[in-house]
C-alpha atoms as a PDB file:
ATOM      1  CA  LEU A   1      11.435  31.709 -42.028  1.00  0.00           C
ATOM      2  CA  ILE A   2       8.945  29.560 -43.972  1.00  0.00           C
ATOM      3  CA  VAL A   3      10.512  26.362 -42.561  1.00  0.00           C
ATOM      4  CA  ILE A   4      10.151  27.709 -39.001  1.00  0.00           C
ATOM      5  CA  VAL A   5       6.497  28.696 -39.546  1.00  0.00           C
ATOM      6  CA  ILE A   6       5.681  25.275 -41.041  1.00  0.00           C
ATOM      7  CA  GLY A   7       7.513  23.543 -38.171  1.00  0.00           C
ATOM      8  CA  ILE A   8       5.571  25.526 -35.539  1.00  0.00           C
ATOM      9  CA  ALA A   9       2.268  24.864 -37.321  1.00  0.00           C
ATOM     10  CA  LEU A  10       3.035  21.138 -37.514  1.00  0.00           C
ATOM     11  CA  ALA A  11       4.019  21.019 -33.830  1.00  0.00           C
ATOM     12  CA  ALA A  12       0.818  22.861 -32.854  1.00  0.00           C
ATOM     13  CA  PHE A  13      -1.246  20.416 -34.905  1.00  0.00           C
ATOM     14  CA  VAL A  14       0.353  17.367 -33.244  1.00  0.00           C
ATOM     15  CA  LEU A  15       0.208  18.832 -29.733  1.00  0.00           C
ATOM     16  CA  GLY A  16      -3.419  19.847 -30.265  1.00  0.00           C
ATOM     17  CA  ASP A  17      -4.496  16.194 -30.244  1.00  0.00           C
ATOM     18  CA  PHE A  18      -2.669  15.550 -26.981  1.00  0.00           C
ATOM     19  CA  LEU A  19      -4.167  18.577 -25.260  1.00  0.00           C
ATOM     20  CA  LYS A  20      -7.817  17.852 -26.145  1.00  0.00           C
ATOM     21  CA  PRO A  21      -9.994  17.039 -23.104  1.00  0.00           C
ATOM     22  CA  GLY A  22     -10.406  13.291 -22.662  1.00  0.00           C
ATOM     23  CA  SER A  23      -7.629  12.515 -25.094  1.00  0.00           C
ATOM     24  CA  SER A  24      -4.994  10.100 -23.936  1.00  0.00           C
ATOM     25  CA  GLY A  25      -2.856  10.847 -26.937  1.00  0.00           C
ATOM     26  CA  ARG A  26      -3.714   7.445 -28.341  1.00  0.00           C
ATOM     27  CA  GLN A  27      -6.245   7.120 -31.086  1.00  0.00           C
ATOM     28  CA  VAL A  28      -8.350   3.952 -31.116  1.00  0.00           C
ATOM     29  CA  ASN A  29      -9.068   2.637 -34.574  1.00  0.00           C
ATOM     30  CA  TYR A  30     -12.106   0.459 -35.049  1.00  0.00           C
ATOM     31  CA  ILE A  31     -12.300  -2.211 -37.686  1.00  0.00           C
ATOM     32  CA  GLY A  32     -16.066  -2.525 -37.525  1.00  0.00           C
ATOM     33  CA  GLU A  33     -19.183  -2.759 -35.435  1.00  0.00           C
ATOM     34  CA  ALA A  34     -21.413  -5.650 -34.407  1.00  0.00           C
ATOM     35  CA  ALA A  35     -24.401  -5.760 -32.082  1.00  0.00           C
ATOM     36  CA  GLY A  36     -23.963  -2.044 -31.413  1.00  0.00           C
ATOM     37  CA  GLU A  37     -20.383  -2.441 -30.179  1.00  0.00           C
ATOM     38  CA  ASN A  38     -17.273  -1.054 -31.853  1.00  0.00           C
ATOM     39  CA  ILE A  39     -14.567  -3.612 -32.476  1.00  0.00           C
ATOM     40  CA  PRO A  40     -11.076  -2.175 -31.921  1.00  0.00           C
ATOM     41  CA  TYR A  41      -8.560  -3.136 -34.580  1.00  0.00           C
ATOM     42  CA  VAL A  42      -6.000  -4.021 -31.901  1.00  0.00           C
ATOM     43  CA  ASP A  43      -8.355  -6.619 -30.351  1.00  0.00           C
ATOM     44  CA  PHE A  44      -9.163  -8.119 -33.745  1.00  0.00           C
ATOM     45  CA  ALA A  45      -5.487  -8.270 -34.736  1.00  0.00           C
ATOM     46  CA  GLN A  46      -4.618  -9.997 -31.452  1.00  0.00           C
ATOM     47  CA  LYS A  47      -7.299 -12.654 -32.009  1.00  0.00           C
ATOM     48  CA  VAL A  48      -6.086 -13.177 -35.587  1.00  0.00           C
ATOM     49  CA  ASP A  49      -2.506 -13.631 -34.367  1.00  0.00           C
ATOM     50  CA  GLU A  50      -3.688 -16.183 -31.780  1.00  0.00           C
ATOM     51  CA  GLN A  51      -5.653 -18.094 -34.410  1.00  0.00           C
ATOM     52  CA  ILE A  52      -2.727 -18.054 -36.830  1.00  0.00           C
ATOM     53  CA  GLU A  53      -0.468 -19.530 -34.130  1.00  0.00           C
ATOM     54  CA  ASN A  54      -3.092 -22.145 -33.253  1.00  0.00           C
ATOM     55  CA  THR A  55      -3.502 -23.076 -36.914  1.00  0.00           C
ATOM     56  CA  LYS A  56       0.261 -23.393 -37.406  1.00  0.00           C
ATOM     57  CA  GLN A  57       0.516 -25.570 -34.320  1.00  0.00           C
ATOM     58  CA  ARG A  58      -2.507 -27.705 -35.270  1.00  0.00           C
ATOM     59  CA  ASP A  59      -1.241 -28.231 -38.825  1.00  0.00           C
ATOM     60  CA  SER A  60       2.447 -28.524 -37.787  1.00  0.00           C
ATOM     61  CA  LYS A  61       3.503 -25.681 -40.077  1.00  0.00           C
ATOM     62  CA  GLU A  62       6.140 -23.010 -39.699  1.00  0.00           C
ATOM     63  CA  LYS A  63       4.301 -20.557 -41.934  1.00  0.00           C
ATOM     64  CA  LEU A  64       0.849 -20.205 -43.454  1.00  0.00           C
ATOM     65  CA  THR A  65       0.164 -19.302 -47.066  1.00  0.00           C
ATOM     66  CA  ALA A  66      -1.497 -15.995 -47.922  1.00  0.00           C
ATOM     67  CA  ASP A  67      -4.768 -17.853 -48.602  1.00  0.00           C
ATOM     68  CA  GLU A  68      -4.590 -19.599 -45.233  1.00  0.00           C
ATOM     69  CA  VAL A  69      -3.968 -16.302 -43.444  1.00  0.00           C
ATOM     70  CA  PHE A  70      -6.886 -14.740 -45.316  1.00  0.00           C
ATOM     71  CA  ASN A  71      -9.133 -17.645 -44.271  1.00  0.00           C
ATOM     72  CA  VAL A  72      -8.010 -17.337 -40.648  1.00  0.00           C
ATOM     73  CA  ARG A  73      -8.766 -13.593 -40.698  1.00  0.00           C
ATOM     74  CA  GLN A  74     -12.197 -14.225 -42.207  1.00  0.00           C
ATOM     75  CA  GLN A  75     -13.040 -16.998 -39.739  1.00  0.00           C
ATOM     76  CA  THR A  76     -11.836 -14.866 -36.830  1.00  0.00           C
ATOM     77  CA  TRP A  77     -13.986 -11.948 -37.950  1.00  0.00           C
ATOM     78  CA  ASN A  78     -17.054 -14.176 -38.386  1.00  0.00           C
ATOM     79  CA  GLN A  79     -16.500 -15.741 -34.977  1.00  0.00           C
ATOM     80  CA  LEU A  80     -16.053 -12.353 -33.304  1.00  0.00           C
ATOM     81  CA  VAL A  81     -19.245 -10.957 -34.850  1.00  0.00           C
ATOM     82  CA  ARG A  82     -21.145 -14.140 -34.001  1.00  0.00           C
ATOM     83  CA  GLU A  83     -19.959 -14.019 -30.379  1.00  0.00           C
ATOM     84  CA  LEU A  84     -21.035 -10.386 -30.003  1.00  0.00           C
ATOM     85  CA  ILE A  85     -24.459 -10.954 -31.539  1.00  0.00           C
ATOM     86  CA  LEU A  86     -25.163 -14.197 -29.704  1.00  0.00           C
ATOM     87  CA  GLY A  87     -23.699 -12.804 -26.484  1.00  0.00           C
ATOM     88  CA  LYS A  88     -26.346 -10.076 -26.535  1.00  0.00           C
ATOM     89  CA  GLN A  89     -29.062 -12.647 -27.223  1.00  0.00           C
ATOM     90  CA  TYR A  90     -27.841 -14.916 -24.417  1.00  0.00           C
ATOM     91  CA  GLU A  91     -27.719 -11.972 -22.038  1.00  0.00           C
ATOM     92  CA  ASN A  92     -31.223 -10.775 -22.985  1.00  0.00           C
ATOM     93  CA  LEU A  93     -32.663 -14.265 -22.507  1.00  0.00           C
ATOM     94  CA  GLY A  94     -30.668 -15.029 -19.361  1.00  0.00           C
ATOM     95  CA  VAL A  95     -28.914 -18.006 -20.966  1.00  0.00           C
ATOM     96  CA  SER A  96     -25.658 -18.972 -19.257  1.00  0.00           C
ATOM     97  CA  VAL A  97     -23.462 -21.917 -18.325  1.00  0.00           C
ATOM     98  CA  SER A  98     -22.712 -22.202 -14.628  1.00  0.00           C
ATOM     99  CA  THR A  99     -19.386 -23.324 -13.212  1.00  0.00           C
ATOM    100  CA  ASP A 100     -21.021 -26.531 -11.971  1.00  0.00           C
ATOM    101  CA  GLU A 101     -22.502 -27.190 -15.386  1.00  0.00           C
ATOM    102  CA  LEU A 102     -19.131 -26.685 -17.088  1.00  0.00           C
ATOM    103  CA  TYR A 103     -17.506 -28.971 -14.511  1.00  0.00           C
ATOM    104  CA  ASP A 104     -20.098 -31.635 -15.341  1.00  0.00           C
ATOM    105  CA  LEU A 105     -19.466 -31.235 -19.078  1.00  0.00           C
ATOM    106  CA  VAL A 106     -15.743 -31.776 -18.528  1.00  0.00           C
ATOM    107  CA  GLN A 107     -15.522 -34.263 -15.652  1.00  0.00           C
ATOM    108  CA  GLY A 108     -19.075 -35.416 -14.990  1.00  0.00           C
ATOM    109  CA  LYS A 109     -20.999 -38.574 -15.799  1.00  0.00           C
ATOM    110  CA  ASN A 110     -22.039 -37.287 -19.230  1.00  0.00           C
ATOM    111  CA  PRO A 111     -19.019 -35.429 -20.625  1.00  0.00           C
ATOM    112  CA  HIS A 112     -19.267 -33.238 -23.696  1.00  0.00           C
ATOM    113  CA  GLN A 113     -18.570 -34.816 -27.078  1.00  0.00           C
ATOM    114  CA  TYR A 114     -15.304 -32.861 -27.372  1.00  0.00           C
ATOM    115  CA  ILE A 115     -14.043 -34.411 -24.120  1.00  0.00           C
ATOM    116  CA  LEU A 116     -15.107 -37.851 -25.348  1.00  0.00           C
ATOM    117  CA  GLN A 117     -13.171 -37.231 -28.551  1.00  0.00           C
ATOM    118  CA  TYR A 118      -9.940 -35.815 -27.122  1.00  0.00           C
ATOM    119  CA  PHE A 119      -9.506 -38.060 -24.104  1.00  0.00           C
ATOM    120  CA  GLN A 120      -9.563 -41.513 -25.615  1.00  0.00           C
ATOM    121  CA  ASP A 121      -7.338 -44.363 -24.545  1.00  0.00           C
ATOM    122  CA  PRO A 122      -4.806 -44.801 -27.388  1.00  0.00           C
ATOM    123  CA  ASN A 123      -5.152 -48.591 -27.264  1.00  0.00           C
ATOM    124  CA  THR A 124      -8.912 -49.058 -26.966  1.00  0.00           C
ATOM    125  CA  LYS A 125     -10.025 -45.785 -28.619  1.00  0.00           C
ATOM    126  CA  GLN A 126     -12.595 -45.505 -25.810  1.00  0.00           C
ATOM    127  CA  TYR A 127     -13.125 -42.483 -23.593  1.00  0.00           C
ATOM    128  CA  ASN A 128     -11.032 -42.677 -20.433  1.00  0.00           C
ATOM    129  CA  PRO A 129     -12.102 -40.258 -17.653  1.00  0.00           C
ATOM    130  CA  GLN A 130      -8.788 -40.833 -15.873  1.00  0.00           C
ATOM    131  CA  LEU A 131      -6.974 -39.138 -18.776  1.00  0.00           C
ATOM    132  CA  VAL A 132      -9.044 -36.003 -18.155  1.00  0.00           C
ATOM    133  CA  MET A 133      -8.301 -36.072 -14.434  1.00  0.00           C
ATOM    134  CA  ASN A 134      -4.566 -36.594 -15.010  1.00  0.00           C
ATOM    135  CA  PHE A 135      -4.431 -33.764 -17.540  1.00  0.00           C
ATOM    136  CA  LEU A 136      -6.267 -31.340 -15.256  1.00  0.00           C
ATOM    137  CA  LYS A 137      -4.020 -32.223 -12.313  1.00  0.00           C
ATOM    138  CA  GLN A 138      -0.967 -31.325 -14.406  1.00  0.00           C
ATOM    139  CA  LEU A 139      -2.483 -28.284 -16.127  1.00  0.00           C
ATOM    140  CA  ASP A 140      -0.218 -25.859 -14.266  1.00  0.00           C
ATOM    141  CA  GLN A 141       2.903 -27.709 -15.436  1.00  0.00           C
ATOM    142  CA  VAL A 142       2.055 -28.106 -19.137  1.00  0.00           C
ATOM    143  CA  GLU A 143       3.480 -25.941 -21.902  1.00  0.00           C
ATOM    144  CA  PRO A 144       1.701 -22.618 -22.490  1.00  0.00           C
ATOM    145  CA  ALA A 145       0.533 -23.813 -25.919  1.00  0.00           C
ATOM    146  CA  GLN A 146      -1.154 -26.863 -24.357  1.00  0.00           C
ATOM    147  CA  LYS A 147      -2.757 -24.717 -21.699  1.00  0.00           C
ATOM    148  CA  GLN A 148      -4.030 -22.351 -24.404  1.00  0.00           C
ATOM    149  CA  ASN A 149      -5.453 -25.324 -26.303  1.00  0.00           C
ATOM    150  CA  TRP A 150      -7.245 -26.451 -23.148  1.00  0.00           C
ATOM    151  CA  LEU A 151      -8.737 -23.002 -22.606  1.00  0.00           C
ATOM    152  CA  MET A 152      -9.933 -22.963 -26.206  1.00  0.00           C
ATOM    153  CA  LEU A 153     -11.466 -26.419 -25.790  1.00  0.00           C
ATOM    154  CA  GLU A 154     -13.197 -25.321 -22.598  1.00  0.00           C
ATOM    155  CA  LYS A 155     -14.529 -22.204 -24.364  1.00  0.00           C
ATOM    156  CA  ALA A 156     -15.764 -24.308 -27.295  1.00  0.00           C
ATOM    157  CA  ILE A 157     -17.608 -26.599 -24.861  1.00  0.00           C
ATOM    158  CA  LYS A 158     -19.189 -23.619 -23.116  1.00  0.00           C
ATOM    159  CA  ASP A 159     -20.143 -21.977 -26.425  1.00  0.00           C
ATOM    160  CA  ASP A 160     -21.672 -25.214 -27.686  1.00  0.00           C
ATOM    161  CA  ARG A 161     -23.714 -25.587 -24.500  1.00  0.00           C
ATOM    162  CA  LEU A 162     -24.902 -21.966 -24.700  1.00  0.00           C
ATOM    163  CA  ASN A 163     -25.907 -22.498 -28.315  1.00  0.00           C
ATOM    164  CA  THR A 164     -27.802 -25.683 -27.430  1.00  0.00           C
ATOM    165  CA  LYS A 165     -29.685 -23.921 -24.647  1.00  0.00           C
ATOM    166  CA  TYR A 166     -30.472 -20.976 -26.908  1.00  0.00           C
ATOM    167  CA  ASN A 167     -31.740 -23.225 -29.700  1.00  0.00           C
ATOM    168  CA  ASN A 168     -33.888 -25.149 -27.218  1.00  0.00           C
ATOM    169  CA  MET A 169     -35.422 -21.886 -25.978  1.00  0.00           C
ATOM    170  CA  ILE A 170     -36.078 -20.630 -29.502  1.00  0.00           C
ATOM    171  CA  GLY A 171     -37.541 -24.002 -30.532  1.00  0.00           C
ATOM    172  CA  LYS A 172     -40.044 -23.922 -27.644  1.00  0.00           C
ATOM    173  CA  ALA A 173     -41.129 -20.343 -28.342  1.00  0.00           C
END
């Protein structure tokens, strides 16, 4: 009799969460808050996993040490908080990077320093704009890891440009 009563009480407790108004039955756990926004643990964990994979690929490793994983987690957290805080500042000040501006930073007459660095002729060690064009033409056929690296490079270029604009605005104020 006691086992049945405990079982019914336990079932009522579990079902109570599912039957609450607005409850999807899934509880969202937050790892923290930045710039007034809650950061879901699932989103943070996904970004950490992506960064761990990128680090392993960059360093040609099968596995990272515990210290390396800790550093990746810390860097990912710092980057996430920074993006949220600066994103609010950029939004409040109306700072943005247009599609045309990003195009110019990648393929224009004055490419970003990251493009200059990554698209050098192997023989002359000089920037070769044709390498950029060839890569972009074949972007749909490259491995997913290469495509992910490109998207990260593009994001880094955009973030750097946003930061430069922001610093210029703050410096003039």
